[in-house]
Amino acid sequence: MLENGFVMVSIILLINIVYVSFFTIRMILTLKGQRYLAAFISMIEVVIYVIGLGLVLDNLNEIQNLIAYAVGYGLGVIVGMKIEEKLALGYITVNAITTRLEAGIPNKLREKGYGVTNYLAHGREGERMVMQILTSRKSERNLYDAIQELDPKAFVISYEPRTFQGGFWVKTIRR
């Protein structure tokens, strides 16, 4: 009996980890505009959800099943986030601001394959070089490392652009 209960708890835990991971990926795909892939994943997700919830509801008198469901949900969020980090879908725009005007930082970043738009700006303490850099999320960490290497004191902020029109990157993105 104890072994059977352990198997049930394990199955519920695993089902919910898989379900919530699919849920997380589907939400991200939806936000990224991948509607058909998101719809396909949602079909798989709902089947997994119904099976897992059915197991818990059929055995509500066993508190360990409910606990396994809750723990599986929490672990599923973590697993889903880890999967999303590995997929690194989409693009980011990084704004980097430096006081090192003479260093040729924009060209050094271009040599590394990044698209850079740069201009002079005026900050509280004088002139600054502002660089806007668009890159894939897969290259995000490498870009931060490159900026850090070129100017450890650079101010860096990033955000996810929602639309693209015109410019150097559009041909690459559309492929």
C-alpha atoms as a PDB file:
ATOM      1  CA  MET A   1       0.000   0.000   0.000  1.00  0.00           C
ATOM      2  CA  LEU A   2       2.792   2.430   0.922  1.00  0.00           C
ATOM      3  CA  GLU A   3       4.573   1.720  -2.350  1.00  0.00           C
ATOM      4  CA  ASN A   4       1.348   2.325  -4.321  1.00  0.00           C
ATOM      5  CA  GLY A   5       0.877   5.679  -2.537  1.00  0.00           C
ATOM      6  CA  PHE A   6       4.461   6.649  -3.335  1.00  0.00           C
ATOM      7  CA  VAL A   7       3.906   5.810  -7.011  1.00  0.00           C
ATOM      8  CA  MET A   8       0.721   7.940  -7.081  1.00  0.00           C
ATOM      9  CA  VAL A   9       2.486  10.903  -5.438  1.00  0.00           C
ATOM     10  CA  SER A  10       5.383  10.568  -7.892  1.00  0.00           C
ATOM     11  CA  ILE A  11       3.061  10.458 -10.893  1.00  0.00           C
ATOM     12  CA  ILE A  12       1.088  13.504  -9.720  1.00  0.00           C
ATOM     13  CA  LEU A  13       4.306  15.402  -9.014  1.00  0.00           C
ATOM     14  CA  LEU A  14       5.768  14.569 -12.424  1.00  0.00           C
ATOM     15  CA  ILE A  15       2.540  15.331 -14.295  1.00  0.00           C
ATOM     16  CA  ASN A  16       2.266  18.745 -12.695  1.00  0.00           C
ATOM     17  CA  ILE A  17       5.909  19.608 -13.366  1.00  0.00           C
ATOM     18  CA  VAL A  18       5.363  18.777 -17.035  1.00  0.00           C
ATOM     19  CA  TYR A  19       2.004  20.595 -17.163  1.00  0.00           C
ATOM     20  CA  VAL A  20       3.274  23.831 -15.639  1.00  0.00           C
ATOM     21  CA  SER A  21       6.431  23.736 -17.771  1.00  0.00           C
ATOM     22  CA  PHE A  22       4.232  23.498 -20.875  1.00  0.00           C
ATOM     23  CA  PHE A  23       2.042  26.290 -19.485  1.00  0.00           C
ATOM     24  CA  THR A  24       5.068  28.554 -19.004  1.00  0.00           C
ATOM     25  CA  ILE A  25       6.436  27.854 -22.474  1.00  0.00           C
ATOM     26  CA  ARG A  26       2.995  28.405 -24.033  1.00  0.00           C
ATOM     27  CA  MET A  27       2.637  31.777 -22.319  1.00  0.00           C
ATOM     28  CA  ILE A  28       6.054  32.879 -23.533  1.00  0.00           C
ATOM     29  CA  LEU A  29       5.323  31.734 -27.082  1.00  0.00           C
ATOM     30  CA  THR A  30       2.022  33.625 -26.954  1.00  0.00           C
ATOM     31  CA  LEU A  31       3.796  36.793 -25.828  1.00  0.00           C
ATOM     32  CA  LYS A  32       6.373  36.353 -28.605  1.00  0.00           C
ATOM     33  CA  GLY A  33       3.656  36.061 -31.256  1.00  0.00           C
ATOM     34  CA  GLN A  34       4.176  32.341 -31.970  1.00  0.00           C
ATOM     35  CA  ARG A  35       0.417  31.692 -32.002  1.00  0.00           C
ATOM     36  CA  TYR A  36       0.305  28.377 -33.872  1.00  0.00           C
ATOM     37  CA  LEU A  37       3.047  26.743 -31.836  1.00  0.00           C
ATOM     38  CA  ALA A  38       1.435  28.105 -28.652  1.00  0.00           C
ATOM     39  CA  ALA A  39      -1.934  26.657 -29.712  1.00  0.00           C
ATOM     40  CA  PHE A  40      -0.378  23.252 -30.406  1.00  0.00           C
ATOM     41  CA  ILE A  41       1.390  23.210 -27.042  1.00  0.00           C
ATOM     42  CA  SER A  42      -1.838  24.240 -25.297  1.00  0.00           C
ATOM     43  CA  MET A  43      -3.571  21.119 -26.654  1.00  0.00           C
ATOM     44  CA  ILE A  44      -0.904  18.912 -25.074  1.00  0.00           C
ATOM     45  CA  GLU A  45      -0.949  21.032 -21.931  1.00  0.00           C
ATOM     46  CA  VAL A  46      -4.693  20.642 -21.345  1.00  0.00           C
ATOM     47  CA  VAL A  47      -4.548  16.840 -21.716  1.00  0.00           C
ATOM     48  CA  ILE A  48      -1.758  16.667 -19.126  1.00  0.00           C
ATOM     49  CA  TYR A  49      -3.695  19.049 -16.840  1.00  0.00           C
ATOM     50  CA  VAL A  50      -6.909  17.013 -16.971  1.00  0.00           C
ATOM     51  CA  ILE A  51      -5.074  13.756 -16.241  1.00  0.00           C
ATOM     52  CA  GLY A  52      -3.171  15.244 -13.276  1.00  0.00           C
ATOM     53  CA  LEU A  53      -6.166  17.024 -11.795  1.00  0.00           C
ATOM     54  CA  GLY A  54      -8.283  13.904 -12.267  1.00  0.00           C
ATOM     55  CA  LEU A  55      -5.808  11.834 -10.269  1.00  0.00           C
ATOM     56  CA  VAL A  56      -5.911  14.335  -7.408  1.00  0.00           C
ATOM     57  CA  LEU A  57      -9.702  14.712  -7.423  1.00  0.00           C
ATOM     58  CA  ASP A  58     -10.217  10.938  -7.509  1.00  0.00           C
ATOM     59  CA  ASN A  59      -8.047  10.641  -4.398  1.00  0.00           C
ATOM     60  CA  LEU A  60      -8.887  13.768  -2.393  1.00  0.00           C
ATOM     61  CA  ASN A  61      -8.831  11.801   0.840  1.00  0.00           C
ATOM     62  CA  GLU A  62      -5.055  11.376   0.411  1.00  0.00           C
ATOM     63  CA  ILE A  63      -3.498  14.688   1.491  1.00  0.00           C
ATOM     64  CA  GLN A  64      -0.095  13.694   0.090  1.00  0.00           C
ATOM     65  CA  ASN A  65      -1.612  13.793  -3.423  1.00  0.00           C
ATOM     66  CA  LEU A  66      -2.713  17.392  -2.941  1.00  0.00           C
ATOM     67  CA  ILE A  67       0.717  18.283  -1.561  1.00  0.00           C
ATOM     68  CA  ALA A  68       2.383  16.564  -4.536  1.00  0.00           C
ATOM     69  CA  TYR A  69       0.150  18.578  -6.871  1.00  0.00           C
ATOM     70  CA  ALA A  70       1.147  21.867  -5.198  1.00  0.00           C
ATOM     71  CA  VAL A  71       4.860  20.997  -5.059  1.00  0.00           C
ATOM     72  CA  GLY A  72       4.764  19.857  -8.692  1.00  0.00           C
ATOM     73  CA  TYR A  73       3.190  23.170  -9.661  1.00  0.00           C
ATOM     74  CA  GLY A  74       5.970  25.134  -7.968  1.00  0.00           C
ATOM     75  CA  LEU A  75       8.697  22.955  -9.457  1.00  0.00           C
ATOM     76  CA  GLY A  76       7.019  23.257 -12.861  1.00  0.00           C
ATOM     77  CA  VAL A  77       7.361  27.036 -12.721  1.00  0.00           C
ATOM     78  CA  ILE A  78      11.082  26.698 -12.070  1.00  0.00           C
ATOM     79  CA  VAL A  79      11.570  24.063 -14.788  1.00  0.00           C
ATOM     80  CA  GLY A  80       9.552  26.144 -17.278  1.00  0.00           C
ATOM     81  CA  MET A  81      11.672  29.208 -16.565  1.00  0.00           C
ATOM     82  CA  LYS A  82      14.878  27.211 -17.006  1.00  0.00           C
ATOM     83  CA  ILE A  83      13.626  25.874 -20.345  1.00  0.00           C
ATOM     84  CA  GLU A  84      12.746  29.416 -21.454  1.00  0.00           C
ATOM     85  CA  GLU A  85      16.224  30.634 -20.481  1.00  0.00           C
ATOM     86  CA  LYS A  86      17.753  27.889 -22.642  1.00  0.00           C
ATOM     87  CA  LEU A  87      15.453  28.670 -25.587  1.00  0.00           C
ATOM     88  CA  ALA A  88      16.165  32.425 -25.245  1.00  0.00           C
ATOM     89  CA  LEU A  89      13.523  33.361 -27.789  1.00  0.00           C
ATOM     90  CA  GLY A  90      13.419  36.831 -29.277  1.00  0.00           C
ATOM     91  CA  TYR A  91      15.599  39.895 -29.213  1.00  0.00           C
ATOM     92  CA  ILE A  92      16.661  42.549 -26.767  1.00  0.00           C
ATOM     93  CA  THR A  93      17.711  46.129 -27.154  1.00  0.00           C
ATOM     94  CA  VAL A  94      20.550  47.219 -24.924  1.00  0.00           C
ATOM     95  CA  ASN A  95      21.313  50.842 -24.206  1.00  0.00           C
ATOM     96  CA  ALA A  96      24.872  51.314 -23.034  1.00  0.00           C
ATOM     97  CA  ILE A  97      26.150  54.707 -21.910  1.00  0.00           C
ATOM     98  CA  THR A  98      29.861  55.374 -21.534  1.00  0.00           C
ATOM     99  CA  THR A  99      32.117  58.314 -20.774  1.00  0.00           C
ATOM    100  CA  ARG A 100      34.898  56.750 -22.868  1.00  0.00           C
ATOM    101  CA  LEU A 101      34.285  58.748 -26.057  1.00  0.00           C
ATOM    102  CA  GLU A 102      37.718  58.105 -27.570  1.00  0.00           C
ATOM    103  CA  ALA A 103      37.742  54.352 -27.097  1.00  0.00           C
ATOM    104  CA  GLY A 104      35.952  53.410 -30.341  1.00  0.00           C
ATOM    105  CA  ILE A 105      33.599  51.149 -28.430  1.00  0.00           C
ATOM    106  CA  PRO A 106      30.802  51.174 -31.066  1.00  0.00           C
ATOM    107  CA  ASN A 107      33.191  49.923 -33.769  1.00  0.00           C
ATOM    108  CA  LYS A 108      34.630  47.259 -31.494  1.00  0.00           C
ATOM    109  CA  LEU A 109      31.107  45.985 -30.818  1.00  0.00           C
ATOM    110  CA  ARG A 110      30.333  46.057 -34.554  1.00  0.00           C
ATOM    111  CA  GLU A 111      33.456  43.967 -35.180  1.00  0.00           C
ATOM    112  CA  LYS A 112      31.946  41.384 -32.808  1.00  0.00           C
ATOM    113  CA  GLY A 113      28.826  41.285 -35.000  1.00  0.00           C
ATOM    114  CA  TYR A 114      26.471  43.571 -33.088  1.00  0.00           C
ATOM    115  CA  GLY A 115      24.360  46.238 -34.754  1.00  0.00           C
ATOM    116  CA  VAL A 116      25.141  49.501 -32.971  1.00  0.00           C
ATOM    117  CA  THR A 117      23.596  52.944 -33.306  1.00  0.00           C
ATOM    118  CA  ASN A 118      25.535  55.500 -31.343  1.00  0.00           C
ATOM    119  CA  TYR A 119      25.316  59.208 -30.634  1.00  0.00           C
ATOM    120  CA  LEU A 120      26.688  61.836 -28.304  1.00  0.00           C
ATOM    121  CA  ALA A 121      24.538  62.858 -25.381  1.00  0.00           C
ATOM    122  CA  HIS A 122      24.932  65.198 -22.455  1.00  0.00           C
ATOM    123  CA  GLY A 123      24.657  63.873 -18.922  1.00  0.00           C
ATOM    124  CA  ARG A 124      24.880  65.528 -15.549  1.00  0.00           C
ATOM    125  CA  GLU A 125      28.679  65.357 -15.584  1.00  0.00           C
ATOM    126  CA  GLY A 126      29.393  66.000 -19.263  1.00  0.00           C
ATOM    127  CA  GLU A 127      29.351  64.271 -22.625  1.00  0.00           C
ATOM    128  CA  ARG A 128      28.456  60.626 -22.949  1.00  0.00           C
ATOM    129  CA  MET A 129      28.390  58.103 -25.769  1.00  0.00           C
ATOM    130  CA  VAL A 130      25.015  56.376 -25.994  1.00  0.00           C
ATOM    131  CA  MET A 131      24.827  53.111 -27.900  1.00  0.00           C
ATOM    132  CA  GLN A 132      21.668  51.276 -28.844  1.00  0.00           C
ATOM    133  CA  ILE A 133      22.392  47.639 -29.612  1.00  0.00           C
ATOM    134  CA  LEU A 134      19.912  45.065 -30.898  1.00  0.00           C
ATOM    135  CA  THR A 135      20.827  41.418 -30.417  1.00  0.00           C
ATOM    136  CA  SER A 136      19.235  38.026 -30.021  1.00  0.00           C
ATOM    137  CA  ARG A 137      18.563  36.892 -26.471  1.00  0.00           C
ATOM    138  CA  LYS A 138      20.936  33.974 -27.114  1.00  0.00           C
ATOM    139  CA  SER A 139      23.746  36.539 -27.485  1.00  0.00           C
ATOM    140  CA  GLU A 140      22.672  38.691 -24.543  1.00  0.00           C
ATOM    141  CA  ARG A 141      25.248  37.444 -22.029  1.00  0.00           C
ATOM    142  CA  ASN A 142      28.083  37.745 -24.575  1.00  0.00           C
ATOM    143  CA  LEU A 143      27.072  41.343 -25.302  1.00  0.00           C
ATOM    144  CA  TYR A 144      27.084  42.256 -21.608  1.00  0.00           C
ATOM    145  CA  ASP A 145      30.517  40.664 -21.253  1.00  0.00           C
ATOM    146  CA  ALA A 146      31.826  42.589 -24.284  1.00  0.00           C
ATOM    147  CA  ILE A 147      30.536  45.910 -22.918  1.00  0.00           C
ATOM    148  CA  GLN A 148      32.002  45.130 -19.494  1.00  0.00           C
ATOM    149  CA  GLU A 149      35.360  44.339 -21.096  1.00  0.00           C
ATOM    150  CA  LEU A 150      35.374  47.592 -23.100  1.00  0.00           C
ATOM    151  CA  ASP A 151      34.118  49.817 -20.272  1.00  0.00           C
ATOM    152  CA  PRO A 152      33.587  48.343 -16.809  1.00  0.00           C
ATOM    153  CA  LYS A 153      31.862  51.569 -15.717  1.00  0.00           C
ATOM    154  CA  ALA A 154      29.330  51.686 -18.570  1.00  0.00           C
ATOM    155  CA  PHE A 155      25.695  52.139 -17.593  1.00  0.00           C
ATOM    156  CA  VAL A 156      23.695  49.355 -19.261  1.00  0.00           C
ATOM    157  CA  ILE A 157      19.947  48.850 -19.469  1.00  0.00           C
ATOM    158  CA  SER A 158      18.006  46.437 -21.665  1.00  0.00           C
ATOM    159  CA  TYR A 159      14.455  45.862 -22.790  1.00  0.00           C
ATOM    160  CA  GLU A 160      12.560  43.669 -25.236  1.00  0.00           C
ATOM    161  CA  PRO A 161      11.398  45.389 -28.406  1.00  0.00           C
ATOM    162  CA  ARG A 162       7.932  44.343 -29.604  1.00  0.00           C
ATOM    163  CA  THR A 163       8.084  45.362 -33.268  1.00  0.00           C
ATOM    164  CA  PHE A 164      10.737  45.819 -35.928  1.00  0.00           C
ATOM    165  CA  GLN A 165      10.577  47.931 -39.063  1.00  0.00           C
ATOM    166  CA  GLY A 166      13.450  48.984 -41.294  1.00  0.00           C
ATOM    167  CA  GLY A 167      17.106  49.017 -40.413  1.00  0.00           C
ATOM    168  CA  PHE A 168      20.073  46.688 -40.528  1.00  0.00           C
ATOM    169  CA  TRP A 169      18.568  43.821 -38.498  1.00  0.00           C
ATOM    170  CA  VAL A 170      15.158  43.444 -40.162  1.00  0.00           C
ATOM    171  CA  LYS A 171      16.406  41.224 -43.023  1.00  0.00           C
ATOM    172  CA  THR A 172      18.045  38.845 -40.531  1.00  0.00           C
ATOM    173  CA  ILE A 173      15.051  38.796 -38.182  1.00  0.00           C
ATOM    174  CA  ARG A 174      12.505  38.057 -40.937  1.00  0.00           C
ATOM    175  CA  ARG A 175      14.470  34.936 -42.028  1.00  0.00           C
END
